[in-house]
């Protein structure tokens, strides 16, 4: 029996991820490169994970009122990944029960964990 890791936990999901600054630079470069050809799933996944990581740090460092903007941005970008997957991979939003912003952030964490571990 295989025990699945708790990818809802951001510390598990992002273990081994590149640093936030490195990811920010990657996202910026890809934004410029892909403006003409369209943005890939990898772009939306890494961007959503980046903003989720920033929100997690913000929530840990500040009172909720100060972290609310970063959390809101993380939710917005997470929803963009979910939309991309629904349009391009047949993801069923109803079947996946991706209703709340937190559901979408958890989806990002799980997808990022899977993607990161497939890279190695």
Protein backbone atom coordinates (compact mmCIF):
# COMPACT_ATOMS: atom_id res chain seq x y z
CA UNK A 1 0.00 0.00 0.00
CA UNK A 2 1.40 3.37 -1.03
CA UNK A 3 0.78 6.35 1.22
CA UNK A 4 0.12 9.49 -0.79
CA UNK A 5 1.82 12.65 0.43
CA UNK A 6 -0.41 15.44 1.73
CA UNK A 7 0.00 17.80 -1.21
CA UNK A 8 -2.60 20.15 0.32
CA UNK A 9 0.21 21.16 2.66
CA UNK A 10 2.26 23.79 0.81
CA UNK A 11 5.45 22.72 2.56
CA UNK A 12 5.03 19.23 1.10
CA UNK A 13 3.81 20.42 -2.30
CA UNK A 14 6.67 22.87 -2.83
CA UNK A 15 9.51 20.91 -1.24
CA UNK A 16 12.34 20.94 -3.75
CA UNK A 17 10.88 23.81 -5.77
CA UNK A 18 13.20 26.51 -7.10
CA UNK A 19 13.44 29.64 -4.97
CA UNK A 20 10.72 32.27 -5.24
CA UNK A 21 13.03 34.81 -6.93
CA UNK A 22 14.17 32.24 -9.49
CA UNK A 23 10.56 31.33 -10.26
CA UNK A 24 9.60 35.00 -10.50
CA UNK A 25 12.35 35.50 -13.08
CA UNK A 26 11.25 32.41 -15.01
CA UNK A 27 7.62 33.60 -15.10
CA UNK A 28 8.71 37.06 -16.27
CA UNK A 29 10.87 35.60 -19.06
CA UNK A 30 8.10 33.28 -20.20
CA UNK A 31 5.55 36.08 -20.20
CA UNK A 32 7.72 38.00 -22.64
CA UNK A 33 8.55 34.96 -24.81
CA UNK A 34 5.08 33.50 -24.99
CA UNK A 35 3.13 36.69 -25.59
CA UNK A 36 3.06 35.88 -29.30
CA UNK A 37 2.64 32.11 -29.17
CA UNK A 38 0.35 31.69 -26.19
CA UNK A 39 1.04 30.66 -22.65
CA UNK A 40 1.57 26.99 -21.82
CA UNK A 41 0.21 24.90 -18.98
CA UNK A 42 3.67 24.89 -17.44
CA UNK A 43 3.56 28.69 -17.38
CA UNK A 44 0.16 28.81 -15.65
CA UNK A 45 1.14 26.05 -13.24
CA UNK A 46 4.43 27.65 -12.21
CA UNK A 47 2.86 31.11 -11.98
CA UNK A 48 0.00 29.80 -9.83
CA UNK A 49 2.43 27.93 -7.58
CA UNK A 50 4.62 31.05 -7.30
CA UNK A 51 1.71 33.24 -6.19
CA UNK A 52 0.47 30.54 -3.83
CA UNK A 53 3.91 30.34 -2.23
CA UNK A 54 3.99 34.14 -1.87
CA UNK A 55 0.55 34.05 -0.25
CA UNK A 56 1.59 31.28 2.14
CA UNK A 57 4.61 33.33 3.24
CA UNK A 58 2.51 36.48 3.52
CA UNK A 59 -0.10 34.73 5.62
CA UNK A 60 2.59 33.39 7.96
CA UNK A 61 4.29 36.79 8.31
CA UNK A 62 1.39 39.24 8.52
CA UNK A 63 -2.05 39.60 10.01
CA UNK A 64 -4.81 38.34 7.71
CA UNK A 65 -5.85 41.83 6.63
CA UNK A 66 -2.35 42.55 5.28
CA UNK A 67 -2.04 39.16 3.60
CA UNK A 68 -5.49 39.33 2.00
CA UNK A 69 -4.23 40.90 -1.23
CA UNK A 70 -1.60 38.22 -1.83
CA UNK A 71 -4.15 35.50 -1.04
CA UNK A 72 -6.62 37.09 -3.45
CA UNK A 73 -4.00 37.18 -6.19
CA UNK A 74 -3.05 33.55 -5.52
CA UNK A 75 -6.70 32.55 -5.86
CA UNK A 76 -7.09 34.52 -9.09
CA UNK A 77 -4.03 32.88 -10.69
CA UNK A 78 -5.04 29.44 -9.37
CA UNK A 79 -8.44 29.87 -11.02
CA UNK A 80 -6.63 30.73 -14.27
CA UNK A 81 -4.78 27.38 -14.14
CA UNK A 82 -8.04 25.57 -13.43
CA UNK A 83 -9.64 27.36 -16.40
CA UNK A 84 -6.69 26.40 -18.61
CA UNK A 85 -6.97 22.76 -17.57
CA UNK A 86 -10.74 22.75 -18.08
CA UNK A 87 -10.32 24.16 -21.58
CA UNK A 88 -7.33 22.06 -22.62
CA UNK A 89 -7.31 18.77 -20.74
CA UNK A 90 -10.94 17.94 -20.14
CA UNK A 91 -10.82 18.73 -16.42
CA UNK A 92 -14.36 18.63 -15.12
CA UNK A 93 -14.82 21.39 -12.59
CA UNK A 94 -17.88 19.69 -11.17
CA UNK A 95 -16.14 16.34 -10.95
CA UNK A 96 -13.06 17.90 -9.38
CA UNK A 97 -15.16 19.93 -6.92
CA UNK A 98 -13.06 23.03 -7.49
CA UNK A 99 -15.51 25.49 -6.01
CA UNK A 100 -13.75 27.79 -3.60
CA UNK A 101 -10.53 29.72 -3.97
CA UNK A 102 -8.91 27.41 -1.45
CA UNK A 103 -9.99 24.40 -3.54
CA UNK A 104 -8.19 25.95 -6.51
CA UNK A 105 -5.06 26.65 -4.46
CA UNK A 106 -5.03 23.02 -3.28
CA UNK A 107 -5.41 21.92 -6.90
CA UNK A 108 -2.35 24.02 -7.78
CA UNK A 109 -0.36 22.42 -4.97
CA UNK A 110 -1.26 18.91 -6.06
CA UNK A 111 -0.59 19.60 -9.73
CA UNK A 112 2.72 21.31 -8.95
CA UNK A 113 3.84 18.42 -6.74
CA UNK A 114 3.03 15.97 -9.54
CA UNK A 115 4.78 18.13 -12.15
CA UNK A 116 7.88 18.73 -10.01
CA UNK A 117 8.31 15.04 -9.25
CA UNK A 118 7.81 14.09 -12.89
CA UNK A 119 10.78 16.36 -13.72
CA UNK A 120 13.20 14.25 -11.68
